[in-house]
């Protein structure tokens, strides 16, 4: 169930970041969060692109049948 659950829209994810205490640790955490944000935006774009391709393929199948 755990494997299937990770694909459901309602599944939640958590991320842990470990950094040193103090000013340098905060800077490292900010850099990690910024990098994660960039990765999530790229992933969102890839998902949208794949979704468009699937929808186009589906429409093509409807026209053929």
PDB file of N, CA and C in Angstrom:
ATOM      1  N   UNK A   1       0.817  -1.191   0.000  1.00  0.00           N
ATOM      2  CA  UNK A   1       0.000   0.000   0.000  1.00  0.00           C
ATOM      3  C   UNK A   1       0.859   1.254   0.000  1.00  0.00           C
ATOM      4  N   UNK A   2       1.983   1.228   0.694  1.00  0.00           N
ATOM      5  CA  UNK A   2       2.849   2.392   0.767  1.00  0.00           C
ATOM      6  C   UNK A   2       3.362   2.819  -0.595  1.00  0.00           C
ATOM      7  N   UNK A   3       3.722   1.837  -1.441  1.00  0.00           N
ATOM      8  CA  UNK A   3       4.231   2.158  -2.767  1.00  0.00           C
ATOM      9  C   UNK A   3       3.141   2.789  -3.626  1.00  0.00           C
ATOM     10  N   UNK A   4       1.941   2.236  -3.582  1.00  0.00           N
ATOM     11  CA  UNK A   4       0.837   2.796  -4.361  1.00  0.00           C
ATOM     12  C   UNK A   4       0.429   4.155  -3.807  1.00  0.00           C
ATOM     13  N   UNK A   5       0.494   4.322  -2.517  1.00  0.00           N
ATOM     14  CA  UNK A   5       0.057   5.558  -1.881  1.00  0.00           C
ATOM     15  C   UNK A   5       0.905   6.745  -2.310  1.00  0.00           C
ATOM     16  N   UNK A   6       2.176   6.499  -2.608  1.00  0.00           N
ATOM     17  CA  UNK A   6       3.039   7.608  -2.985  1.00  0.00           C
ATOM     18  C   UNK A   6       2.630   8.215  -4.320  1.00  0.00           C
ATOM     19  N   UNK A   7       1.808   7.531  -5.094  1.00  0.00           N
ATOM     20  CA  UNK A   7       1.370   8.042  -6.385  1.00  0.00           C
ATOM     21  C   UNK A   7       0.016   8.727  -6.310  1.00  0.00           C
ATOM     22  N   UNK A   8      -0.639   8.672  -5.180  1.00  0.00           N
ATOM     23  CA  UNK A   8      -1.949   9.300  -5.039  1.00  0.00           C
ATOM     24  C   UNK A   8      -1.793  10.798  -4.818  1.00  0.00           C
ATOM     25  N   UNK A   9      -2.728  11.594  -5.364  1.00  0.00           N
ATOM     26  CA  UNK A   9      -2.626  13.046  -5.197  1.00  0.00           C
ATOM     27  C   UNK A   9      -2.662  13.497  -3.738  1.00  0.00           C
ATOM     28  N   UNK A  10      -3.332  12.735  -2.882  1.00  0.00           N
ATOM     29  CA  UNK A  10      -3.452  13.162  -1.496  1.00  0.00           C
ATOM     30  C   UNK A  10      -2.246  12.751  -0.645  1.00  0.00           C
ATOM     31  N   UNK A  11      -1.316  12.007  -1.222  1.00  0.00           N
ATOM     32  CA  UNK A  11      -0.137  11.573  -0.464  1.00  0.00           C
ATOM     33  C   UNK A  11       0.710  12.795  -0.097  1.00  0.00           C
ATOM     34  N   UNK A  12       1.252  12.796   1.085  1.00  0.00           N
ATOM     35  CA  UNK A  12       2.073  13.901   1.547  1.00  0.00           C
ATOM     36  C   UNK A  12       3.535  13.474   1.545  1.00  0.00           C
ATOM     37  N   UNK A  13       4.410  14.448   1.384  1.00  0.00           N
ATOM     38  CA  UNK A  13       5.843  14.180   1.417  1.00  0.00           C
ATOM     39  C   UNK A  13       6.479  15.111   2.430  1.00  0.00           C
ATOM     40  N   UNK A  14       7.572  14.670   2.994  1.00  0.00           N
ATOM     41  CA  UNK A  14       8.298  15.545   3.912  1.00  0.00           C
ATOM     42  C   UNK A  14       9.770  15.531   3.541  1.00  0.00           C
ATOM     43  N   UNK A  15      10.426  16.635   3.813  1.00  0.00           N
ATOM     44  CA  UNK A  15      11.838  16.780   3.495  1.00  0.00           C
ATOM     45  C   UNK A  15      12.534  17.269   4.751  1.00  0.00           C
ATOM     46  N   UNK A  16      13.650  16.668   5.065  1.00  0.00           N
ATOM     47  CA  UNK A  16      14.429  17.114   6.212  1.00  0.00           C
ATOM     48  C   UNK A  16      15.750  17.696   5.751  1.00  0.00           C
ATOM     49  N   UNK A  17      16.144  18.804   6.344  1.00  0.00           N
ATOM     50  CA  UNK A  17      17.411  19.444   6.001  1.00  0.00           C
ATOM     51  C   UNK A  17      18.233  19.540   7.280  1.00  0.00           C
ATOM     52  N   UNK A  18      19.470  19.078   7.202  1.00  0.00           N
ATOM     53  CA  UNK A  18      20.371  19.121   8.350  1.00  0.00           C
ATOM     54  C   UNK A  18      21.477  20.114   8.031  1.00  0.00           C
ATOM     55  N   UNK A  19      21.660  21.087   8.910  1.00  0.00           N
ATOM     56  CA  UNK A  19      22.696  22.102   8.715  1.00  0.00           C
ATOM     57  C   UNK A  19      23.267  22.477  10.070  1.00  0.00           C
ATOM     58  N   UNK A  20      24.475  23.007  10.075  1.00  0.00           N
ATOM     59  CA  UNK A  20      25.083  23.434  11.338  1.00  0.00           C
ATOM     60  C   UNK A  20      24.285  24.554  11.989  1.00  0.00           C
ATOM     61  N   UNK A  21      24.446  24.690  13.291  1.00  0.00           N
ATOM     62  CA  UNK A  21      23.786  25.751  14.044  1.00  0.00           C
ATOM     63  C   UNK A  21      24.504  27.070  13.770  1.00  0.00           C
ATOM     64  N   UNK A  22      23.761  28.149  13.752  1.00  0.00           N
ATOM     65  CA  UNK A  22      24.366  29.473  13.585  1.00  0.00           C
ATOM     66  C   UNK A  22      24.089  30.075  12.225  1.00  0.00           C
ATOM     67  N   UNK A  23      24.744  31.212  11.991  1.00  0.00           N
ATOM     68  CA  UNK A  23      24.515  31.980  10.767  1.00  0.00           C
ATOM     69  C   UNK A  23      24.863  31.178   9.520  1.00  0.00           C
ATOM     70  N   UNK A  24      25.970  30.445   9.558  1.00  0.00           N
ATOM     71  CA  UNK A  24      26.371  29.655   8.394  1.00  0.00           C
ATOM     72  C   UNK A  24      25.375  28.530   8.128  1.00  0.00           C
ATOM     73  N   UNK A  25      24.832  27.976   9.173  1.00  0.00           N
ATOM     74  CA  UNK A  25      23.830  26.926   9.017  1.00  0.00           C
ATOM     75  C   UNK A  25      22.570  27.449   8.353  1.00  0.00           C
ATOM     76  N   UNK A  26      22.160  28.655   8.737  1.00  0.00           N
ATOM     77  CA  UNK A  26      20.969  29.263   8.133  1.00  0.00           C
ATOM     78  C   UNK A  26      21.215  29.525   6.650  1.00  0.00           C
ATOM     79  N   UNK A  27      22.405  30.013   6.313  1.00  0.00           N
ATOM     80  CA  UNK A  27      22.735  30.245   4.904  1.00  0.00           C
ATOM     81  C   UNK A  27      22.685  28.951   4.102  1.00  0.00           C
ATOM     82  N   UNK A  28      23.190  27.881   4.690  1.00  0.00           N
ATOM     83  CA  UNK A  28      23.159  26.583   4.009  1.00  0.00           C
ATOM     84  C   UNK A  28      21.725  26.109   3.841  1.00  0.00           C
ATOM     85  N   UNK A  29      20.896  26.306   4.852  1.00  0.00           N
ATOM     86  CA  UNK A  29      19.491  25.903   4.755  1.00  0.00           C
ATOM     87  C   UNK A  29      18.783  26.703   3.673  1.00  0.00           C
ATOM     88  N   UNK A  30      19.033  27.994   3.604  1.00  0.00           N
ATOM     89  CA  UNK A  30      18.407  28.825   2.574  1.00  0.00           C
ATOM     90  C   UNK A  30      18.820  28.356   1.180  1.00  0.00           C
ATOM     91  N   UNK A  31      20.091  28.013   1.024  1.00  0.00           N
ATOM     92  CA  UNK A  31      20.572  27.530  -0.273  1.00  0.00           C
ATOM     93  C   UNK A  31      19.906  26.201  -0.630  1.00  0.00           C
ATOM     94  N   UNK A  32      19.737  25.330   0.361  1.00  0.00           N
ATOM     95  CA  UNK A  32      19.077  24.038   0.116  1.00  0.00           C
ATOM     96  C   UNK A  32      17.616  24.232  -0.276  1.00  0.00           C
ATOM     97  N   UNK A  33      16.929  25.112   0.415  1.00  0.00           N
ATOM     98  CA  UNK A  33      15.515  25.374   0.122  1.00  0.00           C
ATOM     99  C   UNK A  33      15.382  25.993  -1.264  1.00  0.00           C
ATOM    100  N   UNK A  34      16.281  26.910  -1.612  1.00  0.00           N
ATOM    101  CA  UNK A  34      16.249  27.533  -2.931  1.00  0.00           C
ATOM    102  C   UNK A  34      16.481  26.488  -4.025  1.00  0.00           C
ATOM    103  N   UNK A  35      17.451  25.606  -3.808  1.00  0.00           N
ATOM    104  CA  UNK A  35      17.728  24.546  -4.788  1.00  0.00           C
ATOM    105  C   UNK A  35      16.540  23.606  -4.922  1.00  0.00           C
ATOM    106  N   UNK A  36      15.900  23.291  -3.798  1.00  0.00           N
ATOM    107  CA  UNK A  36      14.720  22.432  -3.832  1.00  0.00           C
ATOM    108  C   UNK A  36      13.584  23.099  -4.608  1.00  0.00           C
ATOM    109  N   UNK A  37      13.410  24.402  -4.405  1.00  0.00           N
ATOM    110  CA  UNK A  37      12.382  25.141  -5.134  1.00  0.00           C
ATOM    111  C   UNK A  37      12.616  25.096  -6.631  1.00  0.00           C
ATOM    112  N   UNK A  38      13.869  25.247  -7.044  1.00  0.00           N
ATOM    113  CA  UNK A  38      14.209  25.177  -8.477  1.00  0.00           C
ATOM    114  C   UNK A  38      13.897  23.794  -9.019  1.00  0.00           C
ATOM    115  N   UNK A  39      14.276  22.770  -8.291  1.00  0.00           N
ATOM    116  CA  UNK A  39      14.014  21.396  -8.729  1.00  0.00           C
ATOM    117  C   UNK A  39      12.518  21.133  -8.840  1.00  0.00           C
ATOM    118  N   UNK A  40      11.738  21.652  -7.902  1.00  0.00           N
ATOM    119  CA  UNK A  40      10.290  21.445  -7.942  1.00  0.00           C
ATOM    120  C   UNK A  40       9.663  22.162  -9.133  1.00  0.00           C
ATOM    121  N   UNK A  41      10.149  23.369  -9.457  1.00  0.00           N
ATOM    122  CA  UNK A  41       9.626  24.076 -10.633  1.00  0.00           C
ATOM    123  C   UNK A  41       9.955  23.318 -11.917  1.00  0.00           C
ATOM    124  N   UNK A  42      11.165  22.787 -12.012  1.00  0.00           N
ATOM    125  CA  UNK A  42      11.548  21.998 -13.188  1.00  0.00           C
ATOM    126  C   UNK A  42      10.679  20.749 -13.278  1.00  0.00           C
ATOM    127  N   UNK A  43      10.484  20.078 -12.162  1.00  0.00           N
ATOM    128  CA  UNK A  43       9.657  18.870 -12.132  1.00  0.00           C
ATOM    129  C   UNK A  43       8.224  19.182 -12.537  1.00  0.00           C
ATOM    130  N   UNK A  44       7.685  20.300 -12.056  1.00  0.00           N
ATOM    131  CA  UNK A  44       6.323  20.694 -12.424  1.00  0.00           C
ATOM    132  C   UNK A  44       6.224  20.902 -13.931  1.00  0.00           C
ATOM    133  N   UNK A  45       7.211  21.547 -14.516  1.00  0.00           N
ATOM    134  CA  UNK A  45       7.228  21.747 -15.967  1.00  0.00           C
ATOM    135  C   UNK A  45       7.270  20.429 -16.717  1.00  0.00           C
ATOM    136  N   UNK A  46       8.073  19.489 -16.237  1.00  0.00           N
ATOM    137  CA  UNK A  46       8.163  18.177 -16.876  1.00  0.00           C
ATOM    138  C   UNK A  46       6.844  17.423 -16.771  1.00  0.00           C
ATOM    139  N   UNK A  47       6.188  17.524 -15.628  1.00  0.00           N
ATOM    140  CA  UNK A  47       4.899  16.852 -15.443  1.00  0.00           C
ATOM    141  C   UNK A  47       3.859  17.454 -16.379  1.00  0.00           C
ATOM    142  N   UNK A  48       3.815  18.784 -16.484  1.00  0.00           N
ATOM    143  CA  UNK A  48       2.860  19.436 -17.381  1.00  0.00           C
ATOM    144  C   UNK A  48       3.108  19.045 -18.838  1.00  0.00           C
ATOM    145  N   UNK A  49       4.381  18.984 -19.218  1.00  0.00           N
ATOM    146  CA  UNK A  49       4.732  18.591 -20.583  1.00  0.00           C
ATOM    147  C   UNK A  49       4.299  17.147 -20.857  1.00  0.00           C
ATOM    148  N   UNK A  50       4.549  16.257 -19.925  1.00  0.00           N
ATOM    149  CA  UNK A  50       4.144  14.865 -20.078  1.00  0.00           C
ATOM    150  C   UNK A  50       2.629  14.745 -20.129  1.00  0.00           C
ATOM    151  N   UNK A  51       1.931  15.507 -19.302  1.00  0.00           N
ATOM    152  CA  UNK A  51       0.475  15.490 -19.304  1.00  0.00           C
ATOM    153  C   UNK A  51      -0.066  15.931 -20.662  1.00  0.00           C
ATOM    154  N   UNK A  52       0.521  16.962 -21.238  1.00  0.00           N
ATOM    155  CA  UNK A  52       0.095  17.422 -22.571  1.00  0.00           C
ATOM    156  C   UNK A  52       0.326  16.336 -23.621  1.00  0.00           C
ATOM    157  N   UNK A  53       1.456  15.654 -23.539  1.00  0.00           N
ATOM    158  CA  UNK A  53       1.747  14.583 -24.504  1.00  0.00           C
ATOM    159  C   UNK A  53       0.755  13.433 -24.364  1.00  0.00           C
ATOM    160  N   UNK A  54       0.419  13.091 -23.125  1.00  0.00           N
ATOM    161  CA  UNK A  54      -0.553  12.012 -22.896  1.00  0.00           C
ATOM    162  C   UNK A  54      -1.920  12.414 -23.442  1.00  0.00           C
ATOM    163  N   UNK A  55      -2.335  13.656 -23.194  1.00  0.00           N
ATOM    164  CA  UNK A  55      -3.632  14.114 -23.690  1.00  0.00           C
ATOM    165  C   UNK A  55      -3.664  14.131 -25.216  1.00  0.00           C
ATOM    166  N   UNK A  56      -2.579  14.572 -25.861  1.00  0.00           N
ATOM    167  CA  UNK A  56      -2.511  14.576 -27.325  1.00  0.00           C
ATOM    168  C   UNK A  56      -2.575  13.150 -27.863  1.00  0.00           C
ATOM    169  N   UNK A  57      -1.879  12.228 -27.212  1.00  0.00           N
ATOM    170  CA  UNK A  57      -1.898  10.826 -27.625  1.00  0.00           C
ATOM    171  C   UNK A  57      -3.313  10.273 -27.489  1.00  0.00           C
ATOM    172  N   UNK A  58      -3.972  10.594 -26.403  1.00  0.00           N
ATOM    173  CA  UNK A  58      -5.330  10.127 -26.160  1.00  0.00           C
ATOM    174  C   UNK A  58      -6.278  10.672 -27.241  1.00  0.00           C
ATOM    175  N   UNK A  59      -6.171  11.952 -27.549  1.00  0.00           N
ATOM    176  CA  UNK A  59      -7.019  12.548 -28.591  1.00  0.00           C
ATOM    177  C   UNK A  59      -6.756  11.903 -29.953  1.00  0.00           C
ATOM    178  N   UNK A  60      -5.506  11.581 -30.221  1.00  0.00           N
ATOM    179  CA  UNK A  60      -5.148  10.907 -31.473  1.00  0.00           C
ATOM    180  C   UNK A  60      -5.810   9.529 -31.534  1.00  0.00           C
ATOM    181  N   UNK A  61      -5.816   8.806 -30.433  1.00  0.00           N
ATOM    182  CA  UNK A  61      -6.440   7.492 -30.401  1.00  0.00           C
ATOM    183  C   UNK A  61      -7.942   7.592 -30.631  1.00  0.00           C
ATOM    184  N   UNK A  62      -8.565   8.644 -30.095  1.00  0.00           N
ATOM    185  CA  UNK A  62     -10.000   8.828 -30.293  1.00  0.00           C
ATOM    186  C   UNK A  62     -10.293   9.081 -31.772  1.00  0.00           C
ATOM    187  N   UNK A  63      -9.460   9.876 -32.440  1.00  0.00           N
ATOM    188  CA  UNK A  63      -9.670  10.172 -33.857  1.00  0.00           C
ATOM    189  C   UNK A  63      -9.477   8.934 -34.724  1.00  0.00           C
ATOM    190  N   UNK A  64      -8.570   8.064 -34.344  1.00  0.00           N
ATOM    191  CA  UNK A  64      -8.276   6.851 -35.117  1.00  0.00           C
ATOM    192  C   UNK A  64      -9.413   5.850 -34.988  1.00  0.00           C
ATOM    193  N   UNK A  65      -9.995   5.735 -33.819  1.00  0.00           N
ATOM    194  CA  UNK A  65     -11.013   4.694 -33.595  1.00  0.00           C
ATOM    195  C   UNK A  65     -12.377   5.092 -34.069  1.00  0.00           C
TER     196      UNK A  65
END
